Amino acid sequence: MNNNNSLLIANQWQLERKLGSGSFGDVYRALNTQTGEYVAIKLEANNTYSQQLAFEAKLYRLMKGIQGIPKLFWYD
């Protein structure tokens, strides 16, 4: 994926390249187009049997502020 055809998530994060993948989705490096900050974004297919990202986002919200827990910027 290059900058000429990269995907923009929520009009804010521009996907740059795939960092890895696993059982529940793919992880991409992305640029926050408003702040210039780089983040990691995990994407999951809409037709996934087990919506793992919803559960993961809930856990991140519950554990917000604990050292070593990733910061959740946005989930929809």
Protein backbone atom coordinates (compact mmCIF):
# COMPACT_ATOMS: atom_id res chain seq x y z
CA MET A 1 0.00 0.00 0.00
CA ASN A 2 1.54 3.31 -0.96
CA ASN A 3 0.55 6.95 -0.43
CA ASN A 4 -1.05 7.16 -3.88
CA ASN A 5 -3.81 4.70 -3.00
CA SER A 6 -3.68 4.49 0.81
CA LEU A 7 -6.86 4.20 2.84
CA LEU A 8 -8.02 7.03 5.12
CA ILE A 9 -9.75 5.83 8.30
CA ALA A 10 -12.33 8.16 9.92
CA ASN A 11 -10.97 11.12 7.92
CA GLN A 12 -7.99 11.14 10.26
CA TRP A 13 -5.63 8.17 9.95
CA GLN A 14 -3.90 7.34 6.69
CA LEU A 15 -2.80 3.71 6.42
CA GLU A 16 0.78 3.38 5.23
CA ARG A 17 1.93 -0.22 5.43
CA LYS A 18 1.01 -3.55 6.92
CA LEU A 19 3.03 -4.42 10.01
CA GLY A 20 1.61 -7.87 10.64
CA SER A 21 -1.43 -10.07 10.88
CA GLY A 22 -2.93 -12.65 13.17
CA SER A 23 -6.03 -14.69 13.82
CA PHE A 24 -8.23 -11.66 14.49
CA GLY A 25 -7.03 -9.02 12.07
CA ASP A 26 -4.26 -7.08 10.40
CA VAL A 27 -2.13 -4.34 11.97
CA TYR A 28 -1.01 -1.31 9.95
CA ARG A 29 1.23 1.66 10.52
CA ALA A 30 -0.84 4.81 10.06
CA LEU A 31 -0.31 8.55 10.13
CA ASN A 32 -2.65 10.84 12.02
CA THR A 33 -3.15 13.48 9.34
CA GLN A 34 -4.17 16.09 11.94
CA THR A 35 -1.21 15.74 14.34
CA GLY A 36 1.50 14.01 12.31
CA GLU A 37 1.71 11.26 14.93
CA TYR A 38 2.25 7.64 13.86
CA VAL A 39 0.00 4.96 15.33
CA ALA A 40 -0.76 1.29 14.85
CA ILE A 41 -4.26 0.42 13.59
CA LYS A 42 -5.81 -3.02 13.79
CA LEU A 43 -8.48 -3.90 11.22
CA GLU A 44 -10.88 -6.82 11.33
CA ALA A 45 -13.13 -8.04 8.50
CA ASN A 46 -16.80 -7.08 8.92
CA ASN A 47 -17.91 -10.64 8.28
CA THR A 48 -15.71 -12.12 11.03
CA TYR A 49 -17.59 -14.72 13.06
CA SER A 50 -16.19 -13.52 16.37
CA GLN A 51 -16.05 -9.73 16.62
CA GLN A 52 -12.83 -9.75 18.62
CA LEU A 53 -12.00 -6.06 18.15
CA ALA A 54 -15.16 -4.94 19.97
CA PHE A 55 -14.16 -7.02 22.97
CA GLU A 56 -10.56 -5.82 22.77
CA ALA A 57 -11.66 -2.16 22.63
CA LYS A 58 -13.85 -2.70 25.71
CA LEU A 59 -10.89 -4.14 27.62
CA TYR A 60 -8.65 -1.23 26.61
CA ARG A 61 -11.27 1.22 27.89
CA LEU A 62 -11.49 -0.65 31.21
CA MET A 63 -7.70 -0.71 31.61
CA LYS A 64 -7.12 2.86 30.41
CA GLY A 65 -4.09 4.49 32.00
CA ILE A 66 -2.43 1.27 33.18
CA GLN A 67 1.24 1.11 32.23
CA GLY A 68 1.88 -1.26 29.32
CA ILE A 69 -1.71 -1.18 27.99
CA PRO A 70 -2.08 0.31 24.47
CA LYS A 71 -3.92 3.63 24.22
CA LEU A 72 -7.23 3.37 22.37
CA PHE A 73 -7.81 6.46 20.23
CA TRP A 74 -10.96 5.43 18.38
CA TYR A 75 -13.22 2.43 17.79
CA ASP A 76 -16.33 2.21 15.63
